[in-house]
Amino acid sequence: MVFVWRGSGITVPIFLFISGWIVSYWIEDTTLGNSLFIGWTMLWAGIVLTLQGVAVWGGGKPDPDTGEVLLKKGHDFFWIPVLFWGLGFIGLGIWQINKGPGEFNYTELDYSTTTTTEEVVSPELTERMVNFYNPYNDSVFIEITDSKTNEYIIGATIPPVFTSYKKFECKRYDIEREGERDRITVSRPKKNNKDDYDEIWYIIGGEMDLILVDVTDACDDDMTIEDITSIDWTKRIEKRYDGDKIIEPSLVSTKKKQKVIYGVGDKLPKHHRKKQRMYALVAVGDGVEPTDEFLDKKMLHICEMD
């Protein structure tokens, strides 16, 4: 990309980048579709650029001999003065921060046994499916509030080693468990494809990671226990997701190949269509490397062969 600037105008993209980098430490979802991230990035960059623009605006000091006031050198980026960039960023930033979907009333969490691409929320809508996975051997009670208004959304008990799911509006929420509070951002789906997997995963406590495994070969009526255990599943791992963060598994489907994801603990089908690739999310301990023996047990379980 070619930049055109004069004087300190080059600081416009620099300050914008630095602002985004700083804001990313406090807002997890750094996609362009997250209006809060974009808004706060523009606002802080705009404040700094406005102060800088005021400092370099107008004429310089009078000449001591002639009294003539000389104009300062221009400071602009793509022919727009730094001051105007700053004011524009502030205005756009405030607008982005304050825009968002309207209020939505929730009742109770649903408990899942299967979550597939058939349940994906369209990007045109203002809500998205969030899966809450409890990795503990005891039930966990969580309370969810709107992080902006502090409005109480829901309180629910999630059974041990279990996934509960519910559609939530695309905005920020605070999740409280045993006096500990965490903040998540439910962002809008990145792609406009109804076949893409657009669900979000939240690992309670963050002590488990999720790995995405290609299980297409396991979805076959003729598979036996020996067939399952003969596959080196460690080589079928597509990606590992950090359980300390909100997890957004991303697999893009095409006309030739639809990619289907099954959630933690979901049972796999006994067959699949020719144009489908099947994937499963598997929970693994934080910092633990999944062995072939570990994955064999997981595959036998979700294939209902254990």
C-alpha atoms as a PDB file:
ATOM      1  CA  MET A   1       0.000   0.000   0.000  1.00  0.00           C
ATOM      2  CA  VAL A   2       1.268   3.480  -0.909  1.00  0.00           C
ATOM      3  CA  PHE A   3       0.960   6.237   1.723  1.00  0.00           C
ATOM      4  CA  VAL A   4       0.966   9.925   0.868  1.00  0.00           C
ATOM      5  CA  TRP A   5       1.797  12.340   3.693  1.00  0.00           C
ATOM      6  CA  ARG A   6       3.542  15.546   4.642  1.00  0.00           C
ATOM      7  CA  GLY A   7       5.248  16.412   7.883  1.00  0.00           C
ATOM      8  CA  SER A   8       3.863  14.432  10.820  1.00  0.00           C
ATOM      9  CA  GLY A   9       0.991  13.035   8.735  1.00  0.00           C
ATOM     10  CA  ILE A  10       2.639   9.604   8.741  1.00  0.00           C
ATOM     11  CA  THR A  11       1.678   9.302  12.414  1.00  0.00           C
ATOM     12  CA  VAL A  12      -1.994   8.796  11.469  1.00  0.00           C
ATOM     13  CA  PRO A  13      -1.650   5.062  10.563  1.00  0.00           C
ATOM     14  CA  ILE A  14       1.080   4.610  13.191  1.00  0.00           C
ATOM     15  CA  PHE A  15      -1.068   5.898  16.070  1.00  0.00           C
ATOM     16  CA  LEU A  16      -4.066   3.941  14.768  1.00  0.00           C
ATOM     17  CA  PHE A  17      -2.021   0.720  14.767  1.00  0.00           C
ATOM     18  CA  ILE A  18      -0.583   1.388  18.243  1.00  0.00           C
ATOM     19  CA  SER A  19      -4.046   2.180  19.584  1.00  0.00           C
ATOM     20  CA  GLY A  20      -5.446  -1.074  18.155  1.00  0.00           C
ATOM     21  CA  TRP A  21      -2.545  -3.036  19.651  1.00  0.00           C
ATOM     22  CA  ILE A  22      -3.174  -1.562  23.112  1.00  0.00           C
ATOM     23  CA  VAL A  23      -6.958  -2.021  22.930  1.00  0.00           C
ATOM     24  CA  SER A  24      -6.484  -5.677  21.909  1.00  0.00           C
ATOM     25  CA  TYR A  25      -5.193  -6.392  25.416  1.00  0.00           C
ATOM     26  CA  TRP A  26      -8.547  -5.463  26.869  1.00  0.00           C
ATOM     27  CA  ILE A  27     -10.939  -6.581  24.095  1.00  0.00           C
ATOM     28  CA  GLU A  28     -10.471 -10.211  22.986  1.00  0.00           C
ATOM     29  CA  ASP A  29     -12.350 -10.005  19.690  1.00  0.00           C
ATOM     30  CA  THR A  30     -10.134  -7.925  17.396  1.00  0.00           C
ATOM     31  CA  THR A  31     -12.033  -8.564  14.171  1.00  0.00           C
ATOM     32  CA  LEU A  32     -13.235  -5.686  12.006  1.00  0.00           C
ATOM     33  CA  GLY A  33     -16.799  -6.730  12.734  1.00  0.00           C
ATOM     34  CA  ASN A  34     -16.440  -5.917  16.438  1.00  0.00           C
ATOM     35  CA  SER A  35     -17.679  -2.328  16.742  1.00  0.00           C
ATOM     36  CA  LEU A  36     -16.339  -1.983  20.303  1.00  0.00           C
ATOM     37  CA  PHE A  37     -12.792  -2.847  19.253  1.00  0.00           C
ATOM     38  CA  ILE A  38     -12.912  -0.546  16.225  1.00  0.00           C
ATOM     39  CA  GLY A  39     -14.593   2.216  18.219  1.00  0.00           C
ATOM     40  CA  TRP A  40     -12.125   2.311  21.107  1.00  0.00           C
ATOM     41  CA  THR A  41      -9.186   2.009  18.689  1.00  0.00           C
ATOM     42  CA  MET A  42     -10.404   5.048  16.718  1.00  0.00           C
ATOM     43  CA  LEU A  43     -11.288   7.040  19.839  1.00  0.00           C
ATOM     44  CA  TRP A  44      -7.887   6.792  21.525  1.00  0.00           C
ATOM     45  CA  ALA A  45      -6.010   7.335  18.258  1.00  0.00           C
ATOM     46  CA  GLY A  46      -8.302  10.290  17.502  1.00  0.00           C
ATOM     47  CA  ILE A  47      -7.587  11.976  20.838  1.00  0.00           C
ATOM     48  CA  VAL A  48      -3.819  11.764  20.339  1.00  0.00           C
ATOM     49  CA  LEU A  49      -4.038  12.910  16.707  1.00  0.00           C
ATOM     50  CA  THR A  50      -6.320  15.820  17.620  1.00  0.00           C
ATOM     51  CA  LEU A  51      -3.843  17.074  20.226  1.00  0.00           C
ATOM     52  CA  GLN A  52      -1.024  16.685  17.736  1.00  0.00           C
ATOM     53  CA  GLY A  53      -3.054  18.376  14.994  1.00  0.00           C
ATOM     54  CA  VAL A  54      -3.752  21.390  17.216  1.00  0.00           C
ATOM     55  CA  ALA A  55      -0.054  21.664  18.070  1.00  0.00           C
ATOM     56  CA  VAL A  56       1.038  21.795  14.415  1.00  0.00           C
ATOM     57  CA  TRP A  57      -1.870  23.869  13.095  1.00  0.00           C
ATOM     58  CA  GLY A  58      -1.598  27.444  11.839  1.00  0.00           C
ATOM     59  CA  GLY A  59       1.320  29.823  11.694  1.00  0.00           C
ATOM     60  CA  GLY A  60       4.638  29.805  13.458  1.00  0.00           C
ATOM     61  CA  LYS A  61       6.251  32.458  15.658  1.00  0.00           C
ATOM     62  CA  PRO A  62       6.651  36.003  14.220  1.00  0.00           C
ATOM     63  CA  ASP A  63      10.009  36.820  12.655  1.00  0.00           C
ATOM     64  CA  PRO A  64      11.860  38.987  15.274  1.00  0.00           C
ATOM     65  CA  ASP A  65      13.165  41.346  12.574  1.00  0.00           C
ATOM     66  CA  THR A  66      10.231  41.766  10.204  1.00  0.00           C
ATOM     67  CA  GLY A  67       7.303  40.671  12.424  1.00  0.00           C
ATOM     68  CA  GLU A  68       6.066  38.459   9.591  1.00  0.00           C
ATOM     69  CA  VAL A  69       4.259  35.265  10.629  1.00  0.00           C
ATOM     70  CA  LEU A  70       5.289  32.345   8.446  1.00  0.00           C
ATOM     71  CA  LEU A  71       2.917  29.427   7.887  1.00  0.00           C
ATOM     72  CA  LYS A  72       4.016  26.135   9.317  1.00  0.00           C
ATOM     73  CA  LYS A  73       4.817  23.254   7.037  1.00  0.00           C
ATOM     74  CA  GLY A  74       1.726  21.197   6.168  1.00  0.00           C
ATOM     75  CA  HIS A  75       1.035  18.097   8.228  1.00  0.00           C
ATOM     76  CA  ASP A  76      -1.431  15.856   6.446  1.00  0.00           C
ATOM     77  CA  PHE A  77      -2.131  12.271   5.443  1.00  0.00           C
ATOM     78  CA  PHE A  78      -3.592  11.730   1.974  1.00  0.00           C
ATOM     79  CA  TRP A  79      -4.013  15.511   1.787  1.00  0.00           C
ATOM     80  CA  ILE A  80      -6.218  15.622   4.903  1.00  0.00           C
ATOM     81  CA  PRO A  81      -4.728  17.573   7.857  1.00  0.00           C
ATOM     82  CA  VAL A  82      -3.823  15.537  10.955  1.00  0.00           C
ATOM     83  CA  LEU A  83      -6.309  17.577  13.015  1.00  0.00           C
ATOM     84  CA  PHE A  84      -9.203  16.527  10.789  1.00  0.00           C
ATOM     85  CA  TRP A  85      -8.127  12.880  10.981  1.00  0.00           C
ATOM     86  CA  GLY A  86      -8.177  13.131  14.765  1.00  0.00           C
ATOM     87  CA  LEU A  87     -11.614  14.735  14.927  1.00  0.00           C
ATOM     88  CA  GLY A  88     -12.971  12.226  12.400  1.00  0.00           C
ATOM     89  CA  PHE A  89     -11.623   9.272  14.393  1.00  0.00           C
ATOM     90  CA  ILE A  90     -13.175  10.612  17.598  1.00  0.00           C
ATOM     91  CA  GLY A  91     -16.581  10.994  15.945  1.00  0.00           C
ATOM     92  CA  LEU A  92     -16.485   7.579  14.277  1.00  0.00           C
ATOM     93  CA  GLY A  93     -15.125   5.982  17.440  1.00  0.00           C
ATOM     94  CA  ILE A  94     -17.983   7.287  19.598  1.00  0.00           C
ATOM     95  CA  TRP A  95     -20.507   6.128  16.990  1.00  0.00           C
ATOM     96  CA  GLN A  96     -18.983   2.622  16.823  1.00  0.00           C
ATOM     97  CA  ILE A  97     -18.888   2.265  20.613  1.00  0.00           C
ATOM     98  CA  ASN A  98     -22.507   3.260  21.073  1.00  0.00           C
ATOM     99  CA  LYS A  99     -24.026   1.330  18.178  1.00  0.00           C
ATOM    100  CA  GLY A 100     -25.069  -2.256  18.641  1.00  0.00           C
ATOM    101  CA  PRO A 101     -28.019  -4.622  18.790  1.00  0.00           C
ATOM    102  CA  GLY A 102     -31.034  -3.900  20.978  1.00  0.00           C
ATOM    103  CA  GLU A 103     -31.888  -5.632  24.235  1.00  0.00           C
ATOM    104  CA  PHE A 104     -32.940  -9.289  24.309  1.00  0.00           C
ATOM    105  CA  ASN A 105     -34.543 -11.197  27.172  1.00  0.00           C
ATOM    106  CA  TYR A 106     -33.230 -14.678  27.978  1.00  0.00           C
ATOM    107  CA  THR A 107     -34.879 -17.490  29.905  1.00  0.00           C
ATOM    108  CA  GLU A 108     -32.722 -20.527  30.577  1.00  0.00           C
ATOM    109  CA  LEU A 109     -29.792 -22.385  29.078  1.00  0.00           C
ATOM    110  CA  ASP A 110     -30.488 -25.333  26.812  1.00  0.00           C
ATOM    111  CA  TYR A 111     -28.501 -28.527  27.335  1.00  0.00           C
ATOM    112  CA  SER A 112     -26.846 -29.964  24.274  1.00  0.00           C
ATOM    113  CA  THR A 113     -26.218 -33.434  23.001  1.00  0.00           C
ATOM    114  CA  THR A 114     -25.462 -32.423  19.413  1.00  0.00           C
ATOM    115  CA  THR A 115     -24.533 -29.089  17.881  1.00  0.00           C
ATOM    116  CA  THR A 116     -23.851 -29.071  14.155  1.00  0.00           C
ATOM    117  CA  THR A 117     -23.852 -26.652  11.262  1.00  0.00           C
ATOM    118  CA  GLU A 118     -27.655 -26.998  10.991  1.00  0.00           C
ATOM    119  CA  GLU A 119     -27.897 -24.844  14.133  1.00  0.00           C
ATOM    120  CA  VAL A 120     -25.579 -22.071  12.937  1.00  0.00           C
ATOM    121  CA  VAL A 121     -26.876 -18.507  13.226  1.00  0.00           C
ATOM    122  CA  SER A 122     -26.893 -16.457  10.039  1.00  0.00           C
ATOM    123  CA  PRO A 123     -24.507 -13.450  10.013  1.00  0.00           C
ATOM    124  CA  GLU A 124     -27.466 -11.174   9.260  1.00  0.00           C
ATOM    125  CA  LEU A 125     -28.885 -11.872  12.724  1.00  0.00           C
ATOM    126  CA  THR A 126     -27.730 -10.174  15.907  1.00  0.00           C
ATOM    127  CA  GLU A 127     -27.237 -13.305  17.997  1.00  0.00           C
ATOM    128  CA  ARG A 128     -24.893 -16.276  18.025  1.00  0.00           C
ATOM    129  CA  MET A 129     -24.715 -19.692  19.664  1.00  0.00           C
ATOM    130  CA  VAL A 130     -22.388 -19.880  22.693  1.00  0.00           C
ATOM    131  CA  ASN A 131     -21.352 -23.253  24.153  1.00  0.00           C
ATOM    132  CA  PHE A 132     -20.362 -23.402  27.832  1.00  0.00           C
ATOM    133  CA  TYR A 133     -18.204 -26.451  28.581  1.00  0.00           C
ATOM    134  CA  ASN A 134     -17.770 -27.551  32.203  1.00  0.00           C
ATOM    135  CA  PRO A 135     -14.573 -29.658  32.384  1.00  0.00           C
ATOM    136  CA  TYR A 136     -14.876 -30.345  36.126  1.00  0.00           C
ATOM    137  CA  ASN A 137     -16.202 -33.446  37.851  1.00  0.00           C
ATOM    138  CA  ASP A 138     -18.631 -31.295  39.847  1.00  0.00           C
ATOM    139  CA  SER A 139     -21.512 -29.112  38.736  1.00  0.00           C
ATOM    140  CA  VAL A 140     -20.707 -25.424  38.226  1.00  0.00           C
ATOM    141  CA  PHE A 141     -23.076 -22.504  38.733  1.00  0.00           C
ATOM    142  CA  ILE A 142     -22.488 -19.443  36.536  1.00  0.00           C
ATOM    143  CA  GLU A 143     -24.185 -16.044  36.369  1.00  0.00           C
ATOM    144  CA  ILE A 144     -24.120 -13.939  33.217  1.00  0.00           C
ATOM    145  CA  THR A 145     -24.680 -10.164  33.060  1.00  0.00           C
ATOM    146  CA  ASP A 146     -24.524  -7.508  30.370  1.00  0.00           C
ATOM    147  CA  SER A 147     -21.067  -5.917  30.828  1.00  0.00           C
ATOM    148  CA  LYS A 148     -22.301  -2.505  29.685  1.00  0.00           C
ATOM    149  CA  THR A 149     -25.577  -2.178  31.609  1.00  0.00           C
ATOM    150  CA  ASN A 150     -24.893  -4.761  34.369  1.00  0.00           C
ATOM    151  CA  GLU A 151     -28.315  -6.216  33.559  1.00  0.00           C
ATOM    152  CA  TYR A 152     -28.723  -9.735  34.953  1.00  0.00           C
ATOM    153  CA  ILE A 153     -29.113 -12.131  32.025  1.00  0.00           C
ATOM    154  CA  ILE A 154     -29.171 -15.630  33.473  1.00  0.00           C
ATOM    155  CA  GLY A 155     -27.945 -17.954  36.202  1.00  0.00           C
ATOM    156  CA  ALA A 156     -27.559 -21.656  35.449  1.00  0.00           C
ATOM    157  CA  THR A 157     -25.988 -24.821  36.800  1.00  0.00           C
ATOM    158  CA  ILE A 158     -23.959 -26.809  34.291  1.00  0.00           C
ATOM    159  CA  PRO A 159     -23.526 -30.527  35.102  1.00  0.00           C
ATOM    160  CA  PRO A 160     -20.028 -32.042  35.380  1.00  0.00           C
ATOM    161  CA  VAL A 161     -18.123 -32.685  32.115  1.00  0.00           C
ATOM    162  CA  PHE A 162     -21.017 -31.285  30.143  1.00  0.00           C
ATOM    163  CA  THR A 163     -21.790 -28.676  27.492  1.00  0.00           C
ATOM    164  CA  SER A 164     -24.681 -26.219  27.764  1.00  0.00           C
ATOM    165  CA  TYR A 165     -25.496 -23.868  24.947  1.00  0.00           C
ATOM    166  CA  LYS A 166     -27.653 -20.831  24.213  1.00  0.00           C
ATOM    167  CA  LYS A 167     -27.973 -18.050  21.651  1.00  0.00           C
ATOM    168  CA  PHE A 168     -26.719 -14.691  22.901  1.00  0.00           C
ATOM    169  CA  GLU A 169     -26.855 -11.217  21.444  1.00  0.00           C
ATOM    170  CA  CYS A 170     -23.619 -10.047  19.849  1.00  0.00           C
ATOM    171  CA  LYS A 171     -22.092  -7.883  22.587  1.00  0.00           C
ATOM    172  CA  ARG A 172     -19.976  -8.171  25.740  1.00  0.00           C
ATOM    173  CA  TYR A 173     -20.897 -10.199  28.820  1.00  0.00           C
ATOM    174  CA  ASP A 174     -19.507 -10.775  32.294  1.00  0.00           C
ATOM    175  CA  ILE A 175     -19.479 -14.363  33.553  1.00  0.00           C
ATOM    176  CA  GLU A 176     -19.167 -14.906  37.305  1.00  0.00           C
ATOM    177  CA  ARG A 177     -18.265 -18.214  38.965  1.00  0.00           C
ATOM    178  CA  GLU A 178     -17.430 -18.636  42.635  1.00  0.00           C
ATOM    179  CA  GLY A 179     -16.575 -14.964  42.993  1.00  0.00           C
ATOM    180  CA  GLU A 180     -14.352 -14.897  39.892  1.00  0.00           C
ATOM    181  CA  ARG A 181     -15.444 -12.768  36.952  1.00  0.00           C
ATOM    182  CA  ASP A 182     -14.508 -13.124  33.304  1.00  0.00           C
ATOM    183  CA  ARG A 183     -15.515 -10.988  30.314  1.00  0.00           C
ATOM    184  CA  ILE A 184     -16.282 -12.331  26.859  1.00  0.00           C
ATOM    185  CA  THR A 185     -17.262 -10.739  23.573  1.00  0.00           C
ATOM    186  CA  VAL A 186     -19.881 -12.466  21.445  1.00  0.00           C
ATOM    187  CA  SER A 187     -18.957 -11.132  18.019  1.00  0.00           C
ATOM    188  CA  ARG A 188     -20.835 -11.461  14.749  1.00  0.00           C
ATOM    189  CA  PRO A 189     -19.839 -14.336  12.436  1.00  0.00           C
ATOM    190  CA  LYS A 190     -16.989 -13.408  10.114  1.00  0.00           C
ATOM    191  CA  LYS A 191     -18.335 -15.155   7.009  1.00  0.00           C
ATOM    192  CA  ASN A 192     -21.662 -14.955   5.190  1.00  0.00           C
ATOM    193  CA  ASN A 193     -21.956 -18.663   4.463  1.00  0.00           C
ATOM    194  CA  LYS A 194     -24.766 -20.682   6.066  1.00  0.00           C
ATOM    195  CA  ASP A 195     -22.653 -23.864   5.864  1.00  0.00           C
ATOM    196  CA  ASP A 196     -19.771 -22.451   7.914  1.00  0.00           C
ATOM    197  CA  TYR A 197     -19.478 -23.307  11.596  1.00  0.00           C
ATOM    198  CA  ASP A 198     -20.096 -20.095  13.521  1.00  0.00           C
ATOM    199  CA  GLU A 199     -20.566 -21.242  17.119  1.00  0.00           C
ATOM    200  CA  ILE A 200     -18.453 -19.972  20.026  1.00  0.00           C
ATOM    201  CA  TRP A 201     -16.986 -22.021  22.881  1.00  0.00           C
ATOM    202  CA  TYR A 202     -16.282 -20.854  26.419  1.00  0.00           C
ATOM    203  CA  ILE A 203     -14.307 -23.213  28.682  1.00  0.00           C
ATOM    204  CA  ILE A 204     -15.270 -22.656  32.322  1.00  0.00           C
ATOM    205  CA  GLY A 205     -12.128 -22.124  34.373  1.00  0.00           C
ATOM    206  CA  GLY A 206      -9.915 -22.146  31.269  1.00  0.00           C
ATOM    207  CA  GLU A 207      -8.086 -25.264  32.460  1.00  0.00           C
ATOM    208  CA  MET A 208      -8.794 -27.218  29.285  1.00  0.00           C
ATOM    209  CA  ASP A 209      -7.951 -26.585  25.651  1.00  0.00           C
ATOM    210  CA  LEU A 210      -9.887 -27.776  22.619  1.00  0.00           C
ATOM    211  CA  ILE A 211      -8.356 -29.557  19.658  1.00  0.00           C
ATOM    212  CA  LEU A 212     -10.070 -29.879  16.295  1.00  0.00           C
ATOM    213  CA  VAL A 213      -9.695 -33.371  14.817  1.00  0.00           C
ATOM    214  CA  ASP A 214     -10.601 -34.574  11.333  1.00  0.00           C
ATOM    215  CA  VAL A 215     -12.838 -37.592  12.054  1.00  0.00           C
ATOM    216  CA  THR A 216     -14.215 -38.171   8.555  1.00  0.00           C
ATOM    217  CA  ASP A 217     -12.840 -41.723   8.385  1.00  0.00           C
ATOM    218  CA  ALA A 218     -14.552 -42.635  11.670  1.00  0.00           C
ATOM    219  CA  CYS A 219     -18.011 -41.766  10.311  1.00  0.00           C
ATOM    220  CA  ASP A 220     -18.511 -45.085   8.570  1.00  0.00           C
ATOM    221  CA  ASP A 221     -20.923 -47.946   9.348  1.00  0.00           C
ATOM    222  CA  ASP A 222     -18.234 -50.523   8.631  1.00  0.00           C
ATOM    223  CA  MET A 223     -15.671 -49.139  11.110  1.00  0.00           C
ATOM    224  CA  THR A 224     -14.640 -51.527  13.894  1.00  0.00           C
ATOM    225  CA  ILE A 225     -12.764 -50.931  17.141  1.00  0.00           C
ATOM    226  CA  GLU A 226      -9.613 -52.206  15.448  1.00  0.00           C
ATOM    227  CA  ASP A 227     -10.141 -49.799  12.549  1.00  0.00           C
ATOM    228  CA  ILE A 228     -10.551 -46.834  14.906  1.00  0.00           C
ATOM    229  CA  THR A 229      -7.460 -47.644  16.988  1.00  0.00           C
ATOM    230  CA  SER A 230      -5.339 -48.328  13.901  1.00  0.00           C
ATOM    231  CA  ILE A 231      -5.631 -44.668  12.812  1.00  0.00           C
ATOM    232  CA  ASP A 232      -2.976 -42.264  14.092  1.00  0.00           C
ATOM    233  CA  TRP A 233      -5.321 -39.511  15.281  1.00  0.00           C
ATOM    234  CA  THR A 234      -2.440 -37.259  16.297  1.00  0.00           C
ATOM    235  CA  LYS A 235      -1.864 -36.671  12.585  1.00  0.00           C
ATOM    236  CA  ARG A 236      -5.529 -35.719  12.113  1.00  0.00           C
ATOM    237  CA  ILE A 237      -5.356 -32.759  14.502  1.00  0.00           C
ATOM    238  CA  GLU A 238      -6.194 -29.593  12.540  1.00  0.00           C
ATOM    239  CA  LYS A 239      -5.778 -26.967  15.263  1.00  0.00           C
ATOM    240  CA  ARG A 240      -5.466 -26.417  19.003  1.00  0.00           C
ATOM    241  CA  TYR A 241      -7.429 -23.663  20.777  1.00  0.00           C
ATOM    242  CA  ASP A 242      -6.394 -21.999  24.035  1.00  0.00           C
ATOM    243  CA  GLY A 243      -9.113 -22.541  26.653  1.00  0.00           C
ATOM    244  CA  ASP A 244      -8.158 -19.317  28.449  1.00  0.00           C
ATOM    245  CA  LYS A 245      -9.734 -17.366  25.587  1.00  0.00           C
ATOM    246  CA  ILE A 246     -13.062 -17.393  23.817  1.00  0.00           C
ATOM    247  CA  ILE A 247     -12.838 -20.056  21.095  1.00  0.00           C
ATOM    248  CA  GLU A 248     -14.212 -19.542  17.600  1.00  0.00           C
ATOM    249  CA  PRO A 249     -13.488 -22.643  15.475  1.00  0.00           C
ATOM    250  CA  SER A 250     -13.281 -21.540  11.859  1.00  0.00           C
ATOM    251  CA  LEU A 251     -13.701 -23.916   8.933  1.00  0.00           C
ATOM    252  CA  VAL A 252     -14.834 -22.552   5.591  1.00  0.00           C
ATOM    253  CA  SER A 253     -17.117 -24.747   3.531  1.00  0.00           C
ATOM    254  CA  THR A 254     -17.162 -24.681  -0.260  1.00  0.00           C
ATOM    255  CA  LYS A 255     -19.573 -25.965  -2.898  1.00  0.00           C
ATOM    256  CA  LYS A 256     -17.375 -29.018  -3.337  1.00  0.00           C
ATOM    257  CA  LYS A 257     -16.793 -29.707   0.346  1.00  0.00           C
ATOM    258  CA  GLN A 258     -18.985 -28.959   3.364  1.00  0.00           C
ATOM    259  CA  LYS A 259     -17.142 -29.021   6.700  1.00  0.00           C
ATOM    260  CA  VAL A 260     -19.186 -30.146   9.705  1.00  0.00           C
ATOM    261  CA  ILE A 261     -18.023 -29.755  13.328  1.00  0.00           C
ATOM    262  CA  TYR A 262     -19.321 -31.807  16.263  1.00  0.00           C
ATOM    263  CA  GLY A 263     -18.950 -30.383  19.750  1.00  0.00           C
ATOM    264  CA  VAL A 264     -17.197 -31.805  22.812  1.00  0.00           C
ATOM    265  CA  GLY A 265     -18.772 -35.164  23.683  1.00  0.00           C
ATOM    266  CA  ASP A 266     -21.178 -35.202  20.724  1.00  0.00           C
ATOM    267  CA  LYS A 267     -21.673 -38.639  19.180  1.00  0.00           C
ATOM    268  CA  LEU A 268     -20.506 -38.995  15.600  1.00  0.00           C
ATOM    269  CA  PRO A 269     -22.860 -40.174  12.842  1.00  0.00           C
ATOM    270  CA  LYS A 270     -22.341 -43.585  11.277  1.00  0.00           C
ATOM    271  CA  HIS A 271     -22.083 -42.151   7.795  1.00  0.00           C
ATOM    272  CA  HIS A 272     -21.547 -38.892   5.919  1.00  0.00           C
ATOM    273  CA  ARG A 273     -22.206 -37.519   2.470  1.00  0.00           C
ATOM    274  CA  LYS A 274     -19.458 -37.633  -0.151  1.00  0.00           C
ATOM    275  CA  LYS A 275     -19.085 -33.858  -0.123  1.00  0.00           C
ATOM    276  CA  GLN A 276     -18.682 -33.652   3.648  1.00  0.00           C
ATOM    277  CA  ARG A 277     -15.619 -33.510   5.895  1.00  0.00           C
ATOM    278  CA  MET A 278     -16.382 -34.308   9.527  1.00  0.00           C
ATOM    279  CA  TYR A 279     -14.561 -32.754  12.488  1.00  0.00           C
ATOM    280  CA  ALA A 280     -14.818 -33.135  16.262  1.00  0.00           C
ATOM    281  CA  LEU A 281     -13.804 -30.827  19.085  1.00  0.00           C
ATOM    282  CA  VAL A 282     -11.966 -32.738  21.817  1.00  0.00           C
ATOM    283  CA  ALA A 283     -11.073 -31.381  25.269  1.00  0.00           C
ATOM    284  CA  VAL A 284      -7.489 -31.806  26.435  1.00  0.00           C
ATOM    285  CA  GLY A 285      -5.742 -30.570  29.579  1.00  0.00           C
ATOM    286  CA  ASP A 286      -3.978 -27.197  29.456  1.00  0.00           C
ATOM    287  CA  GLY A 287      -0.355 -27.818  28.477  1.00  0.00           C
ATOM    288  CA  VAL A 288      -0.973 -31.530  27.871  1.00  0.00           C
ATOM    289  CA  GLU A 289      -0.044 -33.045  24.521  1.00  0.00           C
ATOM    290  CA  PRO A 290      -2.711 -35.481  23.268  1.00  0.00           C
ATOM    291  CA  THR A 291      -1.224 -38.917  22.651  1.00  0.00           C
ATOM    292  CA  ASP A 292      -2.507 -41.477  20.178  1.00  0.00           C
ATOM    293  CA  GLU A 293      -3.725 -43.626  23.092  1.00  0.00           C
ATOM    294  CA  PHE A 294      -5.652 -40.669  24.548  1.00  0.00           C
ATOM    295  CA  LEU A 295      -7.280 -39.891  21.189  1.00  0.00           C
ATOM    296  CA  ASP A 296      -8.109 -43.571  20.572  1.00  0.00           C
ATOM    297  CA  LYS A 297     -10.213 -43.569  23.768  1.00  0.00           C
ATOM    298  CA  LYS A 298     -11.906 -40.314  22.786  1.00  0.00           C
ATOM    299  CA  MET A 299     -12.714 -41.596  19.294  1.00  0.00           C
ATOM    300  CA  LEU A 300     -14.105 -44.887  20.594  1.00  0.00           C
ATOM    301  CA  HIS A 301     -16.307 -42.938  22.998  1.00  0.00           C
ATOM    302  CA  ILE A 302     -17.775 -40.531  20.447  1.00  0.00           C
ATOM    303  CA  CYS A 303     -18.195 -43.421  17.994  1.00  0.00           C
ATOM    304  CA  GLU A 304     -20.091 -45.281  20.761  1.00  0.00           C
ATOM    305  CA  MET A 305     -17.700 -48.240  20.685  1.00  0.00           C
ATOM    306  CA  ASP A 306     -16.343 -48.051  24.234  1.00  0.00           C
END
